[in-house]
């Protein structure tokens, strides 16, 4: 993944566009998929959905950041937010 891809993804997030991720159960979300094989689930989400993937565990939504520049933006550059 390139910085250009990340810039496009973060720009989309800033503009309020929806982040997609693996489909899950209506009630449990992706809980069962994650319980079966956690590493495979996370790797598949990164491969299929790119720099940012969204998934649900029960009623909690998680965003998985898959690019080092995205992690830097969240943890260092924008840590006050």
PDB file of N, CA and C in Angstrom:
ATOM      1  N   UNK A   1       0.834  -1.159   0.000  1.00  0.00           N
ATOM      2  CA  UNK A   1       0.000   0.000   0.000  1.00  0.00           C
ATOM      3  C   UNK A   1       0.890   1.236   0.000  1.00  0.00           C
ATOM      4  N   UNK A   2       0.444   2.230  -0.687  1.00  0.00           N
ATOM      5  CA  UNK A   2       1.250   3.426  -0.808  1.00  0.00           C
ATOM      6  C   UNK A   2       0.683   4.534   0.055  1.00  0.00           C
ATOM      7  N   UNK A   3       1.480   5.575   0.228  1.00  0.00           N
ATOM      8  CA  UNK A   3       1.030   6.736   0.976  1.00  0.00           C
ATOM      9  C   UNK A   3      -0.148   7.394   0.267  1.00  0.00           C
ATOM     10  N   UNK A   4      -0.149   7.364  -1.059  1.00  0.00           N
ATOM     11  CA  UNK A   4      -1.256   7.933  -1.821  1.00  0.00           C
ATOM     12  C   UNK A   4      -2.562   7.230  -1.468  1.00  0.00           C
ATOM     13  N   UNK A   5      -2.530   5.909  -1.379  1.00  0.00           N
ATOM     14  CA  UNK A   5      -3.724   5.156  -1.009  1.00  0.00           C
ATOM     15  C   UNK A   5      -4.179   5.552   0.382  1.00  0.00           C
ATOM     16  N   UNK A   6      -3.246   5.661   1.320  1.00  0.00           N
ATOM     17  CA  UNK A   6      -3.602   6.046   2.671  1.00  0.00           C
ATOM     18  C   UNK A   6      -4.180   7.452   2.685  1.00  0.00           C
ATOM     19  N   UNK A   7      -3.569   8.372   1.947  1.00  0.00           N
ATOM     20  CA  UNK A   7      -4.072   9.734   1.893  1.00  0.00           C
ATOM     21  C   UNK A   7      -5.497   9.750   1.372  1.00  0.00           C
ATOM     22  N   UNK A   8      -5.767   8.970   0.345  1.00  0.00           N
ATOM     23  CA  UNK A   8      -7.114   8.877  -0.200  1.00  0.00           C
ATOM     24  C   UNK A   8      -8.070   8.319   0.846  1.00  0.00           C
ATOM     25  N   UNK A   9      -7.666   7.290   1.559  1.00  0.00           N
ATOM     26  CA  UNK A   9      -8.516   6.683   2.579  1.00  0.00           C
ATOM     27  C   UNK A   9      -8.770   7.646   3.725  1.00  0.00           C
ATOM     28  N   UNK A  10      -7.739   8.315   4.227  1.00  0.00           N
ATOM     29  CA  UNK A  10      -7.937   9.230   5.345  1.00  0.00           C
ATOM     30  C   UNK A  10      -8.736  10.449   4.902  1.00  0.00           C
ATOM     31  N   UNK A  11      -8.582  10.880   3.668  1.00  0.00           N
ATOM     32  CA  UNK A  11      -9.395  11.976   3.150  1.00  0.00           C
ATOM     33  C   UNK A  11     -10.862  11.573   3.137  1.00  0.00           C
ATOM     34  N   UNK A  12     -11.126  10.338   2.720  1.00  0.00           N
ATOM     35  CA  UNK A  12     -12.495   9.830   2.712  1.00  0.00           C
ATOM     36  C   UNK A  12     -13.051   9.795   4.132  1.00  0.00           C
ATOM     37  N   UNK A  13     -12.229   9.382   5.104  1.00  0.00           N
ATOM     38  CA  UNK A  13     -12.676   9.360   6.499  1.00  0.00           C
ATOM     39  C   UNK A  13     -12.971  10.764   6.998  1.00  0.00           C
ATOM     40  N   UNK A  14     -12.109  11.725   6.653  1.00  0.00           N
ATOM     41  CA  UNK A  14     -12.311  13.108   7.075  1.00  0.00           C
ATOM     42  C   UNK A  14     -13.601  13.678   6.495  1.00  0.00           C
ATOM     43  N   UNK A  15     -13.969  13.217   5.305  1.00  0.00           N
ATOM     44  CA  UNK A  15     -15.183  13.708   4.656  1.00  0.00           C
ATOM     45  C   UNK A  15     -16.416  12.943   5.104  1.00  0.00           C
ATOM     46  N   UNK A  16     -16.246  11.971   6.001  1.00  0.00           N
ATOM     47  CA  UNK A  16     -17.373  11.245   6.554  1.00  0.00           C
ATOM     48  C   UNK A  16     -17.855  10.078   5.718  1.00  0.00           C
ATOM     49  N   UNK A  17     -17.053   9.614   4.765  1.00  0.00           N
ATOM     50  CA  UNK A  17     -17.454   8.458   3.971  1.00  0.00           C
ATOM     51  C   UNK A  17     -17.351   7.203   4.815  1.00  0.00           C
ATOM     52  N   UNK A  18     -18.207   6.250   4.524  1.00  0.00           N
ATOM     53  CA  UNK A  18     -18.258   5.018   5.310  1.00  0.00           C
ATOM     54  C   UNK A  18     -17.100   4.088   4.985  1.00  0.00           C
ATOM     55  N   UNK A  19     -16.520   3.493   6.018  1.00  0.00           N
ATOM     56  CA  UNK A  19     -15.470   2.493   5.870  1.00  0.00           C
ATOM     57  C   UNK A  19     -16.145   1.129   5.845  1.00  0.00           C
ATOM     58  N   UNK A  20     -15.732   0.265   4.933  1.00  0.00           N
ATOM     59  CA  UNK A  20     -16.360  -1.050   4.828  1.00  0.00           C
ATOM     60  C   UNK A  20     -15.492  -2.117   5.482  1.00  0.00           C
ATOM     61  N   UNK A  21     -16.099  -3.257   5.731  1.00  0.00           N
ATOM     62  CA  UNK A  21     -15.396  -4.377   6.331  1.00  0.00           C
ATOM     63  C   UNK A  21     -16.184  -5.649   6.128  1.00  0.00           C
ATOM     64  N   UNK A  22     -15.727  -6.733   6.715  1.00  0.00           N
ATOM     65  CA  UNK A  22     -16.404  -8.018   6.532  1.00  0.00           C
ATOM     66  C   UNK A  22     -17.820  -8.002   7.105  1.00  0.00           C
ATOM     67  N   UNK A  23     -18.727  -8.661   6.384  1.00  0.00           N
ATOM     68  CA  UNK A  23     -20.109  -8.771   6.856  1.00  0.00           C
ATOM     69  C   UNK A  23     -20.159  -9.729   8.036  1.00  0.00           C
ATOM     70  N   UNK A  24     -21.002  -9.428   8.979  1.00  0.00           N
ATOM     71  CA  UNK A  24     -21.139 -10.281  10.148  1.00  0.00           C
ATOM     72  C   UNK A  24     -22.594 -10.570  10.452  1.00  0.00           C
ATOM     73  N   UNK A  25     -22.811 -11.282  11.516  1.00  0.00           N
ATOM     74  CA  UNK A  25     -24.136 -11.612  12.001  1.00  0.00           C
ATOM     75  C   UNK A  25     -24.840 -10.342  12.472  1.00  0.00           C
ATOM     76  N   UNK A  26     -26.156 -10.287  12.300  1.00  0.00           N
ATOM     77  CA  UNK A  26     -26.917  -9.102  12.688  1.00  0.00           C
ATOM     78  C   UNK A  26     -26.751  -8.763  14.172  1.00  0.00           C
ATOM     79  N   UNK A  27     -26.733  -9.758  15.036  1.00  0.00           N
ATOM     80  CA  UNK A  27     -26.638  -9.526  16.476  1.00  0.00           C
ATOM     81  C   UNK A  27     -25.190  -9.568  16.969  1.00  0.00           C
ATOM     82  N   UNK A  28     -24.444 -10.588  16.588  1.00  0.00           N
ATOM     83  CA  UNK A  28     -23.083 -10.780  17.100  1.00  0.00           C
ATOM     84  C   UNK A  28     -22.006 -10.069  16.301  1.00  0.00           C
ATOM     85  N   UNK A  29     -22.349  -9.564  15.131  1.00  0.00           N
ATOM     86  CA  UNK A  29     -21.340  -8.939  14.286  1.00  0.00           C
ATOM     87  C   UNK A  29     -20.356  -9.983  13.784  1.00  0.00           C
ATOM     88  N   UNK A  30     -19.081  -9.708  13.914  1.00  0.00           N
ATOM     89  CA  UNK A  30     -18.023 -10.601  13.433  1.00  0.00           C
ATOM     90  C   UNK A  30     -17.410 -11.433  14.559  1.00  0.00           C
ATOM     91  N   UNK A  31     -18.082 -11.527  15.683  1.00  0.00           N
ATOM     92  CA  UNK A  31     -17.546 -12.207  16.860  1.00  0.00           C
ATOM     93  C   UNK A  31     -17.165 -13.657  16.558  1.00  0.00           C
ATOM     94  N   UNK A  32     -18.042 -14.393  15.924  1.00  0.00           N
ATOM     95  CA  UNK A  32     -17.746 -15.807  15.663  1.00  0.00           C
ATOM     96  C   UNK A  32     -16.585 -15.981  14.693  1.00  0.00           C
ATOM     97  N   UNK A  33     -16.517 -15.138  13.669  1.00  0.00           N
ATOM     98  CA  UNK A  33     -15.404 -15.223  12.715  1.00  0.00           C
ATOM     99  C   UNK A  33     -14.080 -14.977  13.432  1.00  0.00           C
ATOM    100  N   UNK A  34     -14.069 -14.006  14.309  1.00  0.00           N
ATOM    101  CA  UNK A  34     -12.842 -13.677  15.041  1.00  0.00           C
ATOM    102  C   UNK A  34     -12.480 -14.776  16.038  1.00  0.00           C
ATOM    103  N   UNK A  35     -13.469 -15.399  16.668  1.00  0.00           N
ATOM    104  CA  UNK A  35     -13.199 -16.466  17.624  1.00  0.00           C
ATOM    105  C   UNK A  35     -12.625 -17.708  16.952  1.00  0.00           C
ATOM    106  N   UNK A  36     -13.095 -18.027  15.753  1.00  0.00           N
ATOM    107  CA  UNK A  36     -12.617 -19.236  15.058  1.00  0.00           C
ATOM    108  C   UNK A  36     -11.124 -19.175  14.771  1.00  0.00           C
ATOM    109  N   UNK A  37     -10.685 -18.057  14.196  1.00  0.00           N
ATOM    110  CA  UNK A  37      -9.271 -17.920  13.840  1.00  0.00           C
ATOM    111  C   UNK A  37      -8.922 -16.432  13.822  1.00  0.00           C
ATOM    112  N   UNK A  38      -8.525 -15.880  14.968  1.00  0.00           N
ATOM    113  CA  UNK A  38      -8.299 -14.439  15.070  1.00  0.00           C
ATOM    114  C   UNK A  38      -7.283 -13.888  14.073  1.00  0.00           C
ATOM    115  N   UNK A  39      -6.147 -14.546  13.934  1.00  0.00           N
ATOM    116  CA  UNK A  39      -5.119 -14.041  13.033  1.00  0.00           C
ATOM    117  C   UNK A  39      -5.590 -14.069  11.585  1.00  0.00           C
ATOM    118  N   UNK A  40      -6.224 -15.146  11.170  1.00  0.00           N
ATOM    119  CA  UNK A  40      -6.734 -15.240   9.792  1.00  0.00           C
ATOM    120  C   UNK A  40      -7.789 -14.173   9.529  1.00  0.00           C
ATOM    121  N   UNK A  41      -8.657 -13.912  10.508  1.00  0.00           N
ATOM    122  CA  UNK A  41      -9.691 -12.890  10.343  1.00  0.00           C
ATOM    123  C   UNK A  41      -9.066 -11.517  10.130  1.00  0.00           C
ATOM    124  N   UNK A  42      -8.101 -11.156  10.973  1.00  0.00           N
ATOM    125  CA  UNK A  42      -7.465  -9.841  10.874  1.00  0.00           C
ATOM    126  C   UNK A  42      -6.646  -9.707   9.591  1.00  0.00           C
ATOM    127  N   UNK A  43      -5.945 -10.761   9.208  1.00  0.00           N
ATOM    128  CA  UNK A  43      -5.163 -10.732   7.964  1.00  0.00           C
ATOM    129  C   UNK A  43      -6.077 -10.624   6.739  1.00  0.00           C
ATOM    130  N   UNK A  44      -7.189 -11.349   6.757  1.00  0.00           N
ATOM    131  CA  UNK A  44      -8.140 -11.297   5.646  1.00  0.00           C
ATOM    132  C   UNK A  44      -8.770  -9.904   5.537  1.00  0.00           C
ATOM    133  N   UNK A  45      -9.107  -9.302   6.675  1.00  0.00           N
ATOM    134  CA  UNK A  45      -9.668  -7.947   6.665  1.00  0.00           C
ATOM    135  C   UNK A  45      -8.674  -6.958   6.073  1.00  0.00           C
ATOM    136  N   UNK A  46      -7.410  -7.090   6.434  1.00  0.00           N
ATOM    137  CA  UNK A  46      -6.382  -6.201   5.887  1.00  0.00           C
ATOM    138  C   UNK A  46      -6.218  -6.406   4.385  1.00  0.00           C
ATOM    139  N   UNK A  47      -6.214  -7.647   3.938  1.00  0.00           N
ATOM    140  CA  UNK A  47      -6.014  -7.946   2.518  1.00  0.00           C
ATOM    141  C   UNK A  47      -7.214  -7.519   1.673  1.00  0.00           C
ATOM    142  N   UNK A  48      -8.413  -7.734   2.178  1.00  0.00           N
ATOM    143  CA  UNK A  48      -9.611  -7.467   1.378  1.00  0.00           C
ATOM    144  C   UNK A  48     -10.081  -6.021   1.431  1.00  0.00           C
ATOM    145  N   UNK A  49      -9.837  -5.323   2.546  1.00  0.00           N
ATOM    146  CA  UNK A  49     -10.412  -3.990   2.710  1.00  0.00           C
ATOM    147  C   UNK A  49      -9.385  -2.871   2.756  1.00  0.00           C
ATOM    148  N   UNK A  50      -8.117  -3.186   2.633  1.00  0.00           N
ATOM    149  CA  UNK A  50      -7.099  -2.150   2.472  1.00  0.00           C
ATOM    150  C   UNK A  50      -6.644  -1.488   3.759  1.00  0.00           C
ATOM    151  N   UNK A  51      -6.378  -0.196   3.673  1.00  0.00           N
ATOM    152  CA  UNK A  51      -5.760   0.554   4.761  1.00  0.00           C
ATOM    153  C   UNK A  51      -6.606   0.633   6.023  1.00  0.00           C
ATOM    154  N   UNK A  52      -7.917   0.710   5.868  1.00  0.00           N
ATOM    155  CA  UNK A  52      -8.810   0.821   7.020  1.00  0.00           C
ATOM    156  C   UNK A  52      -9.969  -0.153   6.822  1.00  0.00           C
ATOM    157  N   UNK A  53     -10.210  -0.991   7.799  1.00  0.00           N
ATOM    158  CA  UNK A  53     -11.332  -1.937   7.746  1.00  0.00           C
ATOM    159  C   UNK A  53     -12.173  -1.754   9.002  1.00  0.00           C
ATOM    160  N   UNK A  54     -13.467  -1.951   8.851  1.00  0.00           N
ATOM    161  CA  UNK A  54     -14.384  -1.830   9.988  1.00  0.00           C
ATOM    162  C   UNK A  54     -15.038  -3.178  10.246  1.00  0.00           C
ATOM    163  N   UNK A  55     -15.156  -3.550  11.504  1.00  0.00           N
ATOM    164  CA  UNK A  55     -15.896  -4.756  11.860  1.00  0.00           C
ATOM    165  C   UNK A  55     -16.529  -4.558  13.222  1.00  0.00           C
ATOM    166  N   UNK A  56     -17.514  -5.397  13.510  1.00  0.00           N
ATOM    167  CA  UNK A  56     -18.278  -5.291  14.738  1.00  0.00           C
ATOM    168  C   UNK A  56     -18.126  -6.538  15.581  1.00  0.00           C
ATOM    169  N   UNK A  57     -17.968  -6.353  16.887  1.00  0.00           N
ATOM    170  CA  UNK A  57     -17.979  -7.450  17.853  1.00  0.00           C
ATOM    171  C   UNK A  57     -19.104  -7.121  18.834  1.00  0.00           C
ATOM    172  N   UNK A  58     -20.222  -7.810  18.687  1.00  0.00           N
ATOM    173  CA  UNK A  58     -21.397  -7.474  19.480  1.00  0.00           C
ATOM    174  C   UNK A  58     -21.917  -6.115  19.058  1.00  0.00           C
ATOM    175  N   UNK A  59     -22.041  -5.204  20.013  1.00  0.00           N
ATOM    176  CA  UNK A  59     -22.535  -3.871  19.693  1.00  0.00           C
ATOM    177  C   UNK A  59     -21.418  -2.821  19.624  1.00  0.00           C
ATOM    178  N   UNK A  60     -20.170  -3.258  19.563  1.00  0.00           N
ATOM    179  CA  UNK A  60     -19.024  -2.345  19.506  1.00  0.00           C
ATOM    180  C   UNK A  60     -18.389  -2.421  18.120  1.00  0.00           C
ATOM    181  N   UNK A  61     -18.179  -1.264  17.509  1.00  0.00           N
ATOM    182  CA  UNK A  61     -17.557  -1.189  16.188  1.00  0.00           C
ATOM    183  C   UNK A  61     -16.073  -0.885  16.344  1.00  0.00           C
ATOM    184  N   UNK A  62     -15.237  -1.636  15.613  1.00  0.00           N
ATOM    185  CA  UNK A  62     -13.784  -1.452  15.627  1.00  0.00           C
ATOM    186  C   UNK A  62     -13.307  -1.031  14.249  1.00  0.00           C
ATOM    187  N   UNK A  63     -12.267  -0.215  14.229  1.00  0.00           N
ATOM    188  CA  UNK A  63     -11.605   0.174  12.987  1.00  0.00           C
ATOM    189  C   UNK A  63     -10.184  -0.354  13.051  1.00  0.00           C
ATOM    190  N   UNK A  64      -9.820  -1.122  12.051  1.00  0.00           N
ATOM    191  CA  UNK A  64      -8.492  -1.727  11.981  1.00  0.00           C
ATOM    192  C   UNK A  64      -7.663  -0.902  11.001  1.00  0.00           C
ATOM    193  N   UNK A  65      -6.575  -0.319  11.481  1.00  0.00           N
ATOM    194  CA  UNK A  65      -5.682   0.487  10.653  1.00  0.00           C
ATOM    195  C   UNK A  65      -4.550  -0.412  10.204  1.00  0.00           C
ATOM    196  N   UNK A  66      -4.357  -0.537   8.878  1.00  0.00           N
ATOM    197  CA  UNK A  66      -3.417  -1.511   8.321  1.00  0.00           C
ATOM    198  C   UNK A  66      -2.194  -0.890   7.665  1.00  0.00           C
ATOM    199  N   UNK A  67      -2.008   0.383   7.802  1.00  0.00           N
ATOM    200  CA  UNK A  67      -0.878   1.040   7.153  1.00  0.00           C
ATOM    201  C   UNK A  67      -0.084   1.800   8.219  1.00  0.00           C
ATOM    202  N   UNK A  68       1.244   1.721   8.189  1.00  0.00           N
ATOM    203  CA  UNK A  68       2.057   2.401   9.206  1.00  0.00           C
ATOM    204  C   UNK A  68       1.805   3.905   9.269  1.00  0.00           C
ATOM    205  N   UNK A  69       1.563   4.546   8.124  1.00  0.00           N
ATOM    206  CA  UNK A  69       1.299   5.985   8.129  1.00  0.00           C
ATOM    207  C   UNK A  69      -0.022   6.290   8.838  1.00  0.00           C
ATOM    208  N   UNK A  70      -0.991   5.409   8.716  1.00  0.00           N
ATOM    209  CA  UNK A  70      -2.256   5.583   9.417  1.00  0.00           C
ATOM    210  C   UNK A  70      -2.081   5.456  10.917  1.00  0.00           C
ATOM    211  N   UNK A  71      -1.291   4.489  11.336  1.00  0.00           N
ATOM    212  CA  UNK A  71      -1.008   4.324  12.765  1.00  0.00           C
ATOM    213  C   UNK A  71      -0.271   5.544  13.308  1.00  0.00           C
ATOM    214  N   UNK A  72       0.671   6.076  12.529  1.00  0.00           N
ATOM    215  CA  UNK A  72       1.400   7.269  12.950  1.00  0.00           C
ATOM    216  C   UNK A  72       0.456   8.453  13.077  1.00  0.00           C
ATOM    217  N   UNK A  73      -0.444   8.589  12.130  1.00  0.00           N
ATOM    218  CA  UNK A  73      -1.389   9.704  12.177  1.00  0.00           C
ATOM    219  C   UNK A  73      -2.252   9.632  13.435  1.00  0.00           C
ATOM    220  N   UNK A  74      -2.703   8.438  13.779  1.00  0.00           N
ATOM    221  CA  UNK A  74      -3.580   8.273  14.939  1.00  0.00           C
ATOM    222  C   UNK A  74      -2.807   8.400  16.246  1.00  0.00           C
ATOM    223  N   UNK A  75      -1.668   7.733  16.347  1.00  0.00           N
ATOM    224  CA  UNK A  75      -0.953   7.643  17.620  1.00  0.00           C
ATOM    225  C   UNK A  75      -0.020   8.817  17.905  1.00  0.00           C
ATOM    226  N   UNK A  76       0.508   9.464  16.850  1.00  0.00           N
ATOM    227  CA  UNK A  76       1.443  10.556  17.084  1.00  0.00           C
ATOM    228  C   UNK A  76       0.908  11.910  16.624  1.00  0.00           C
ATOM    229  N   UNK A  77       0.562  12.003  15.351  1.00  0.00           N
ATOM    230  CA  UNK A  77       0.197  13.296  14.777  1.00  0.00           C
ATOM    231  C   UNK A  77      -1.108  13.853  15.326  1.00  0.00           C
ATOM    232  N   UNK A  78      -2.078  12.988  15.601  1.00  0.00           N
ATOM    233  CA  UNK A  78      -3.408  13.433  16.004  1.00  0.00           C
ATOM    234  C   UNK A  78      -3.781  12.838  17.367  1.00  0.00           C
ATOM    235  N   UNK A  79      -2.812  12.715  18.251  1.00  0.00           N
ATOM    236  CA  UNK A  79      -3.053  12.042  19.519  1.00  0.00           C
ATOM    237  C   UNK A  79      -3.955  12.824  20.474  1.00  0.00           C
ATOM    238  N   UNK A  80      -4.156  14.113  20.247  1.00  0.00           N
ATOM    239  CA  UNK A  80      -5.024  14.892  21.124  1.00  0.00           C
ATOM    240  C   UNK A  80      -6.497  14.669  20.838  1.00  0.00           C
ATOM    241  N   UNK A  81      -6.800  14.099  19.690  1.00  0.00           N
ATOM    242  CA  UNK A  81      -8.199  13.904  19.282  1.00  0.00           C
ATOM    243  C   UNK A  81      -8.797  12.697  19.952  1.00  0.00           C
TER     244      UNK A  81
END
